[in-house]
C-alpha atoms as a PDB file:
ATOM      1  CA  MET A   1       0.000   0.000   0.000  1.00  0.00           C
ATOM      2  CA  THR A   2       1.439   3.354  -0.968  1.00  0.00           C
ATOM      3  CA  ALA A   3       0.818   6.583   0.883  1.00  0.00           C
ATOM      4  CA  ARG A   4      -1.026   9.214  -1.086  1.00  0.00           C
ATOM      5  CA  ASN A   5      -0.898  12.913  -0.513  1.00  0.00           C
ATOM      6  CA  THR A   6      -4.495  13.757   0.385  1.00  0.00           C
ATOM      7  CA  LYS A   7      -3.863  17.476   0.860  1.00  0.00           C
ATOM      8  CA  PRO A   8      -5.660  19.459  -1.866  1.00  0.00           C
ATOM      9  CA  ALA A   9      -3.720  21.583  -4.310  1.00  0.00           C
ATOM     10  CA  PRO A  10      -3.231  25.180  -3.157  1.00  0.00           C
ATOM     11  CA  SER A  11      -6.114  27.464  -4.057  1.00  0.00           C
ATOM     12  CA  PRO A  12      -5.465  30.233  -6.525  1.00  0.00           C
ATOM     13  CA  ARG A  13      -5.479  33.711  -5.031  1.00  0.00           C
ATOM     14  CA  LEU A  14      -9.131  34.709  -4.734  1.00  0.00           C
ATOM     15  CA  ALA A  15     -10.378  38.172  -5.657  1.00  0.00           C
ATOM     16  CA  VAL A  16     -13.606  40.103  -5.177  1.00  0.00           C
ATOM     17  CA  GLY A  17     -16.234  38.828  -7.626  1.00  0.00           C
ATOM     18  CA  ASP A  18     -14.813  35.301  -7.958  1.00  0.00           C
ATOM     19  CA  LEU A  19     -17.349  32.454  -7.867  1.00  0.00           C
ATOM     20  CA  VAL A  20     -16.380  29.738  -5.381  1.00  0.00           C
ATOM     21  CA  VAL A  21     -17.719  26.519  -3.861  1.00  0.00           C
ATOM     22  CA  ARG A  22     -16.964  25.034  -0.453  1.00  0.00           C
ATOM     23  CA  ARG A  23     -14.460  22.235  -0.858  1.00  0.00           C
ATOM     24  CA  HIS A  24     -15.034  20.487   2.491  1.00  0.00           C
ATOM     25  CA  ARG A  25     -18.815  20.075   2.465  1.00  0.00           C
ATOM     26  CA  LEU A  26     -20.942  17.288   1.078  1.00  0.00           C
ATOM     27  CA  LEU A  27     -23.257  19.832  -0.528  1.00  0.00           C
ATOM     28  CA  LYS A  28     -21.054  22.155  -2.536  1.00  0.00           C
ATOM     29  CA  THR A  29     -22.559  25.540  -1.649  1.00  0.00           C
ATOM     30  CA  ARG A  30     -21.765  28.193  -4.259  1.00  0.00           C
ATOM     31  CA  GLY A  31     -21.016  31.799  -3.429  1.00  0.00           C
ATOM     32  CA  THR A  32     -19.280  34.987  -4.521  1.00  0.00           C
ATOM     33  CA  VAL A  33     -16.230  36.546  -2.892  1.00  0.00           C
ATOM     34  CA  ILE A  34     -17.349  39.985  -1.667  1.00  0.00           C
ATOM     35  CA  ARG A  35     -14.264  41.035   0.305  1.00  0.00           C
ATOM     36  CA  THR A  36     -10.828  39.713   1.143  1.00  0.00           C
ATOM     37  CA  GLY A  37      -9.979  39.243   4.800  1.00  0.00           C
ATOM     38  CA  GLU A  38      -6.705  39.429   6.629  1.00  0.00           C
ATOM     39  CA  SER A  39      -4.089  36.724   6.255  1.00  0.00           C
ATOM     40  CA  HIS A  40      -3.153  35.078   9.516  1.00  0.00           C
ATOM     41  CA  ILE A  41       0.115  33.248   9.985  1.00  0.00           C
ATOM     42  CA  GLU A  42      -1.590  30.255  11.604  1.00  0.00           C
ATOM     43  CA  ARG A  43      -4.756  30.211   9.482  1.00  0.00           C
ATOM     44  CA  GLY A  44      -3.674  31.556   6.101  1.00  0.00           C
ATOM     45  CA  PRO A  45      -5.690  33.875   3.833  1.00  0.00           C
ATOM     46  CA  ARG A  46      -9.430  34.281   4.407  1.00  0.00           C
ATOM     47  CA  VAL A  47     -12.204  35.825   2.311  1.00  0.00           C
ATOM     48  CA  TRP A  48     -15.790  36.974   2.912  1.00  0.00           C
ATOM     49  CA  VAL A  49     -18.258  34.990   0.801  1.00  0.00           C
ATOM     50  CA  GLN A  50     -21.917  35.795   0.041  1.00  0.00           C
ATOM     51  CA  TRP A  51     -23.584  32.393  -0.378  1.00  0.00           C
ATOM     52  CA  ASP A  52     -26.213  31.818  -3.091  1.00  0.00           C
ATOM     53  CA  HIS A  53     -28.230  29.375  -0.982  1.00  0.00           C
ATOM     54  CA  PRO A  54     -30.716  31.278   1.239  1.00  0.00           C
ATOM     55  CA  ASP A  55     -30.512  28.758   4.118  1.00  0.00           C
ATOM     56  CA  THR A  56     -26.732  29.107   4.564  1.00  0.00           C
ATOM     57  CA  PHE A  57     -25.858  30.831   7.841  1.00  0.00           C
ATOM     58  CA  PRO A  58     -24.026  33.010   8.525  1.00  0.00           C
ATOM     59  CA  ASN A  59     -24.377  34.723   5.189  1.00  0.00           C
ATOM     60  CA  PRO A  60     -21.996  36.292   4.326  1.00  0.00           C
ATOM     61  CA  SER A  61     -19.289  34.383   6.180  1.00  0.00           C
ATOM     62  CA  LEU A  62     -15.528  34.624   6.610  1.00  0.00           C
ATOM     63  CA  GLU A  63     -13.973  31.477   5.097  1.00  0.00           C
ATOM     64  CA  PRO A  64     -10.420  30.105   4.867  1.00  0.00           C
ATOM     65  CA  ALA A  65      -9.310  30.399   1.223  1.00  0.00           C
ATOM     66  CA  GLU A  66      -7.858  26.869   1.245  1.00  0.00           C
ATOM     67  CA  GLU A  67     -11.354  25.451   1.887  1.00  0.00           C
ATOM     68  CA  LEU A  68     -12.773  27.047  -1.281  1.00  0.00           C
ATOM     69  CA  GLU A  69     -12.552  26.054  -4.942  1.00  0.00           C
ATOM     70  CA  LEU A  70     -12.609  28.648  -7.684  1.00  0.00           C
ATOM     71  CA  VAL A  71     -15.404  27.954 -10.166  1.00  0.00           C
ATOM     72  CA  ALA A  72     -14.164  28.025 -13.761  1.00  0.00           C
ATOM     73  CA  PRO A  73     -15.947  30.644 -15.897  1.00  0.00           C
ATOM     74  CA  SER A  74     -17.405  27.926 -18.163  1.00  0.00           C
ATOM     75  CA  GLN A  75     -19.154  26.330 -15.124  1.00  0.00           C
ATOM     76  CA  SER A  76     -21.009  29.492 -14.029  1.00  0.00           C
END
């Protein structure tokens, strides 16, 4: 049995207006980056995301950038 690297590839730098989905959830909630947050040494970069799903709370929320996937323009 060989060990596999299960860590996801680094996220591209996210900018205001980017469409993203949550990487770590079963239901891939889609949202739009509305503001970039501060980068923390321990936690890495974070962004504020306005979620498209009305039952997502809190909305907007401050999310770690490494837990988000950038949606390709052809998928939007």
